[in-house]
């Protein structure tokens, strides 16, 4: 299966006020089952993309659910 690398060159950093504060991180760290999201090294993708290294966030299990969105939902709820 051929691969495609898409790069959005029109992105910019979020303004400081748009970033969640320390209270958000502290809240999530108190949730049962919380752990930092592991990063997986993908050397084949790095080779194909012509870059030195590619790390992918493994969101296959976030707080027992297979989605990163649960973290935002827990804070919003």
N, C-alpha and C. Protein backbone atom coordinates (compact mmCIF):
# COMPACT_ATOMS: atom_id res chain seq x y z
N UNK A 1 0.84 -1.17 0.00
CA UNK A 1 0.00 0.00 0.00
C UNK A 1 0.89 1.24 0.00
N UNK A 2 0.73 2.13 -0.97
CA UNK A 2 1.57 3.34 -1.00
C UNK A 2 1.20 4.27 0.15
N UNK A 3 2.17 5.04 0.58
CA UNK A 3 1.91 5.98 1.67
C UNK A 3 2.01 7.41 1.16
N UNK A 4 1.35 8.31 1.86
CA UNK A 4 1.36 9.72 1.52
C UNK A 4 1.66 10.51 2.78
N UNK A 5 2.53 11.48 2.68
CA UNK A 5 2.84 12.36 3.80
C UNK A 5 2.23 13.72 3.49
N UNK A 6 1.32 14.16 4.34
CA UNK A 6 0.68 15.47 4.18
C UNK A 6 1.24 16.42 5.23
N UNK A 7 1.65 17.59 4.81
CA UNK A 7 2.21 18.58 5.72
C UNK A 7 1.43 19.87 5.57
N UNK A 8 0.95 20.41 6.67
CA UNK A 8 0.23 21.68 6.66
C UNK A 8 1.22 22.77 7.04
N UNK A 9 1.64 23.55 6.06
CA UNK A 9 2.61 24.62 6.30
C UNK A 9 1.95 25.90 6.81
N UNK A 10 0.62 25.91 6.89
CA UNK A 10 -0.11 27.10 7.32
C UNK A 10 -0.45 27.06 8.80
N UNK A 11 0.21 26.24 9.57
CA UNK A 11 -0.09 26.14 11.00
C UNK A 11 0.77 27.13 11.78
N UNK A 12 0.34 27.42 12.96
CA UNK A 12 1.13 28.27 13.85
C UNK A 12 0.89 27.80 15.28
N UNK A 13 1.73 28.25 16.16
CA UNK A 13 1.60 27.87 17.57
C UNK A 13 0.35 28.48 18.16
N UNK A 14 -0.23 27.78 19.12
CA UNK A 14 -1.38 28.32 19.84
C UNK A 14 -0.94 29.49 20.70
N UNK A 15 -1.80 30.49 20.83
CA UNK A 15 -1.45 31.56 21.77
C UNK A 15 -1.40 31.00 23.19
N UNK A 16 -0.59 31.61 24.05
CA UNK A 16 -0.41 31.09 25.41
C UNK A 16 -1.74 30.96 26.14
N UNK A 17 -2.67 31.85 25.92
CA UNK A 17 -3.96 31.81 26.60
C UNK A 17 -4.85 30.66 26.16
N UNK A 18 -4.55 30.05 25.04
CA UNK A 18 -5.38 28.95 24.52
C UNK A 18 -4.94 27.60 25.05
N UNK A 19 -3.81 27.56 25.70
CA UNK A 19 -3.30 26.30 26.24
C UNK A 19 -3.94 26.02 27.59
N UNK A 20 -4.24 24.74 27.86
CA UNK A 20 -4.81 24.43 29.17
C UNK A 20 -3.81 24.70 30.29
N UNK A 21 -4.33 25.11 31.41
CA UNK A 21 -3.47 25.41 32.55
C UNK A 21 -3.08 24.16 33.32
N UNK A 22 -2.29 24.37 34.36
CA UNK A 22 -1.79 23.26 35.17
C UNK A 22 -2.93 22.50 35.84
N UNK A 23 -4.05 23.18 36.10
CA UNK A 23 -5.16 22.49 36.77
C UNK A 23 -5.75 21.39 35.90
N UNK A 24 -5.68 21.53 34.59
CA UNK A 24 -6.19 20.49 33.69
C UNK A 24 -5.32 19.24 33.79
N UNK A 25 -4.02 19.43 33.75
CA UNK A 25 -3.10 18.29 33.88
C UNK A 25 -3.26 17.61 35.23
N UNK A 26 -3.38 18.40 36.29
CA UNK A 26 -3.54 17.83 37.63
C UNK A 26 -4.84 17.04 37.73
N UNK A 27 -5.91 17.55 37.13
CA UNK A 27 -7.19 16.85 37.13
C UNK A 27 -7.05 15.48 36.49
N UNK A 28 -6.44 15.43 35.32
CA UNK A 28 -6.32 14.16 34.60
C UNK A 28 -5.41 13.17 35.31
N UNK A 29 -4.38 13.67 35.94
CA UNK A 29 -3.47 12.78 36.66
C UNK A 29 -4.14 12.11 37.85
N UNK A 30 -5.22 12.69 38.35
CA UNK A 30 -5.95 12.08 39.47
C UNK A 30 -6.96 11.02 39.02
N UNK A 31 -7.26 10.94 37.73
CA UNK A 31 -8.23 9.97 37.24
C UNK A 31 -7.67 8.55 37.37
N UNK A 32 -8.52 7.59 37.78
CA UNK A 32 -8.06 6.20 37.86
C UNK A 32 -7.60 5.71 36.48
N UNK A 33 -6.46 5.08 36.44
CA UNK A 33 -5.96 4.54 35.19
C UNK A 33 -5.17 5.52 34.35
N UNK A 34 -4.99 6.75 34.84
CA UNK A 34 -4.23 7.73 34.06
C UNK A 34 -2.78 7.29 33.93
N UNK A 35 -2.24 7.48 32.76
CA UNK A 35 -0.81 7.31 32.52
C UNK A 35 -0.45 8.14 31.30
N UNK A 36 0.79 8.51 31.20
CA UNK A 36 1.24 9.29 30.05
C UNK A 36 1.06 8.47 28.78
N UNK A 37 0.73 9.13 27.70
CA UNK A 37 0.55 8.44 26.42
C UNK A 37 1.91 7.97 25.91
N UNK A 38 2.06 6.68 25.62
CA UNK A 38 3.35 6.21 25.12
C UNK A 38 3.61 6.68 23.69
N UNK A 39 4.86 6.91 23.39
CA UNK A 39 5.29 7.23 22.02
C UNK A 39 5.92 6.00 21.42
N UNK A 40 5.55 5.70 20.19
CA UNK A 40 6.09 4.53 19.48
C UNK A 40 7.00 5.02 18.35
N UNK A 41 8.17 4.45 18.30
CA UNK A 41 9.13 4.75 17.24
C UNK A 41 8.70 4.01 15.97
N UNK A 42 8.67 4.70 14.85
CA UNK A 42 8.26 4.09 13.58
C UNK A 42 9.37 4.34 12.55
N UNK A 43 10.45 3.55 12.62
CA UNK A 43 11.58 3.79 11.72
C UNK A 43 11.24 3.62 10.24
N UNK A 44 10.35 2.71 9.91
CA UNK A 44 9.99 2.51 8.49
C UNK A 44 9.33 3.77 7.92
N UNK A 45 8.48 4.41 8.72
CA UNK A 45 7.83 5.65 8.27
C UNK A 45 8.85 6.78 8.15
N UNK A 46 9.79 6.82 9.06
CA UNK A 46 10.86 7.82 8.98
C UNK A 46 11.67 7.64 7.70
N UNK A 47 12.02 6.40 7.39
CA UNK A 47 12.77 6.12 6.16
C UNK A 47 11.98 6.54 4.93
N UNK A 48 10.71 6.15 4.89
CA UNK A 48 9.86 6.48 3.74
C UNK A 48 9.69 7.99 3.59
N UNK A 49 9.62 8.70 4.72
CA UNK A 49 9.39 10.14 4.71
C UNK A 49 10.66 10.94 4.52
N UNK A 50 11.80 10.28 4.63
CA UNK A 50 13.07 10.98 4.47
C UNK A 50 13.45 11.85 5.66
N UNK A 51 12.98 11.45 6.84
CA UNK A 51 13.33 12.19 8.06
C UNK A 51 14.09 11.27 9.00
N UNK A 52 14.74 11.85 9.98
CA UNK A 52 15.57 11.07 10.89
C UNK A 52 14.79 10.15 11.81
N UNK A 53 13.62 10.62 12.29
CA UNK A 53 12.87 9.82 13.26
C UNK A 53 11.41 10.24 13.25
N UNK A 54 10.53 9.28 13.42
CA UNK A 54 9.09 9.54 13.56
C UNK A 54 8.61 8.85 14.82
N UNK A 55 7.95 9.63 15.68
CA UNK A 55 7.33 9.10 16.88
C UNK A 55 5.83 9.30 16.74
N UNK A 56 5.07 8.27 17.08
CA UNK A 56 3.62 8.31 16.99
C UNK A 56 3.03 8.11 18.37
N UNK A 57 2.08 8.98 18.75
CA UNK A 57 1.39 8.80 20.03
C UNK A 57 0.48 7.60 19.92
N UNK A 58 0.59 6.68 20.85
CA UNK A 58 -0.24 5.48 20.85
C UNK A 58 -1.49 5.74 21.69
N UNK A 59 -2.56 6.13 21.03
CA UNK A 59 -3.83 6.44 21.69
C UNK A 59 -4.78 5.26 21.65
N UNK A 60 -4.24 4.04 21.55
CA UNK A 60 -5.10 2.87 21.43
C UNK A 60 -5.85 2.55 22.71
N UNK A 61 -5.43 3.14 23.82
CA UNK A 61 -6.15 2.92 25.08
C UNK A 61 -5.96 4.12 25.98
N UNK A 62 -6.96 4.96 25.99
CA UNK A 62 -6.91 6.16 26.84
C UNK A 62 -7.95 5.99 27.94
N UNK A 63 -7.49 5.82 29.16
CA UNK A 63 -8.37 5.61 30.30
C UNK A 63 -9.35 4.47 30.05
N UNK A 64 -8.84 3.42 29.41
CA UNK A 64 -9.66 2.24 29.15
C UNK A 64 -10.50 2.31 27.89
N UNK A 65 -10.44 3.43 27.17
CA UNK A 65 -11.21 3.58 25.93
C UNK A 65 -10.25 3.84 24.78
N UNK A 66 -10.58 3.35 23.58
CA UNK A 66 -9.66 3.48 22.45
C UNK A 66 -9.79 4.83 21.73
N UNK A 67 -9.66 5.94 22.45
CA UNK A 67 -9.76 7.24 21.80
C UNK A 67 -9.12 8.32 22.66
N UNK A 68 -8.48 9.27 22.02
CA UNK A 68 -7.89 10.38 22.75
C UNK A 68 -8.96 11.36 23.23
N UNK A 69 -10.13 11.34 22.62
CA UNK A 69 -11.18 12.30 22.93
C UNK A 69 -11.70 12.17 24.35
N UNK A 70 -11.54 11.01 24.96
CA UNK A 70 -12.06 10.81 26.30
C UNK A 70 -11.43 11.77 27.29
N UNK A 71 -10.20 12.15 27.05
CA UNK A 71 -9.54 13.08 27.98
C UNK A 71 -10.23 14.43 28.00
N UNK A 72 -10.59 14.96 26.86
CA UNK A 72 -11.31 16.22 26.80
C UNK A 72 -12.72 16.10 27.36
N UNK A 73 -13.36 14.99 27.10
CA UNK A 73 -14.72 14.78 27.60
C UNK A 73 -14.73 14.70 29.12
N UNK A 74 -13.73 14.11 29.71
CA UNK A 74 -13.68 14.00 31.16
C UNK A 74 -13.53 15.38 31.80
N UNK A 75 -12.79 16.26 31.16
CA UNK A 75 -12.60 17.63 31.69
C UNK A 75 -13.87 18.46 31.48
N UNK A 76 -14.50 18.31 30.33
CA UNK A 76 -15.69 19.10 30.00
C UNK A 76 -16.89 18.69 30.84
N UNK A 77 -16.94 17.39 31.22
CA UNK A 77 -18.08 16.85 31.95
C UNK A 77 -18.12 17.31 33.32
